[in-house]
Amino acid sequence: MFNLFKSKKEKLQLKHRKLLEQAFQMSRIDRSKSDQLHAEAGKVLEEIEKL
């Protein structure tokens, strides 16, 4: 319900944080998947910086 009031930057920051957490968890299991998630988080970070 409260997600309606978040700005686009806040939503992207939340997505970035979740991707980094997933990448950390996957680093123990599957390193290539972890690298993929980390790269995706980097793309989201670039979008945040553009704003």
Protein backbone atom coordinates (compact mmCIF):
# COMPACT_ATOMS: atom_id res chain seq x y z
CA MET A 1 0.00 0.00 0.00
CA PHE A 2 2.77 2.43 0.85
CA ASN A 3 4.72 1.59 -2.32
CA LEU A 4 2.43 3.99 -4.15
CA PHE A 5 4.19 6.95 -2.60
CA LYS A 6 7.79 5.90 -3.32
CA SER A 7 9.70 7.77 -5.97
CA LYS A 8 11.27 6.01 -8.91
CA LYS A 9 14.71 6.49 -7.35
CA GLU A 10 13.63 4.81 -4.10
CA LYS A 11 12.17 1.87 -6.03
CA LEU A 12 15.39 1.46 -7.98
CA GLN A 13 17.46 1.64 -4.79
CA LEU A 14 15.32 -1.08 -3.26
CA LYS A 15 15.71 -3.24 -6.37
CA HIS A 16 19.49 -2.66 -6.33
CA ARG A 17 19.74 -3.67 -2.67
CA LYS A 18 17.71 -6.85 -3.26
CA LEU A 19 19.84 -7.82 -6.25
CA LEU A 20 23.03 -7.38 -4.24
CA GLU A 21 21.63 -9.50 -1.40
CA GLN A 22 20.66 -12.23 -3.86
CA ALA A 23 24.09 -12.07 -5.48
CA PHE A 24 25.74 -12.48 -2.08
CA GLN A 25 23.60 -15.50 -1.24
CA MET A 26 24.21 -17.07 -4.65
CA SER A 27 27.97 -16.56 -4.35
CA ARG A 28 28.04 -19.48 -1.93
CA ILE A 29 26.15 -21.76 -4.32
CA ASP A 30 26.58 -20.70 -7.94
CA ARG A 31 29.29 -18.17 -8.75
CA SER A 32 28.17 -17.55 -12.36
CA LYS A 33 24.61 -16.78 -11.24
CA SER A 34 26.03 -14.47 -8.59
CA ASP A 35 28.07 -12.62 -11.22
CA GLN A 36 24.97 -12.28 -13.39
CA LEU A 37 22.96 -10.78 -10.51
CA HIS A 38 25.83 -8.45 -9.64
CA ALA A 39 25.96 -7.20 -13.25
CA GLU A 40 22.20 -6.62 -13.18
CA ALA A 41 22.60 -4.63 -9.96
CA GLY A 42 25.25 -2.55 -11.68
CA LYS A 43 22.82 -1.68 -14.46
CA VAL A 44 20.22 -0.59 -11.91
CA LEU A 45 22.86 1.55 -10.19
CA GLU A 46 23.58 3.27 -13.52
CA GLU A 47 19.87 4.05 -13.87
CA ILE A 48 19.86 5.54 -10.35
CA GLU A 49 22.83 7.72 -11.18
CA LYS A 50 21.09 9.03 -14.31
CA LEU A 51 18.25 10.34 -12.14
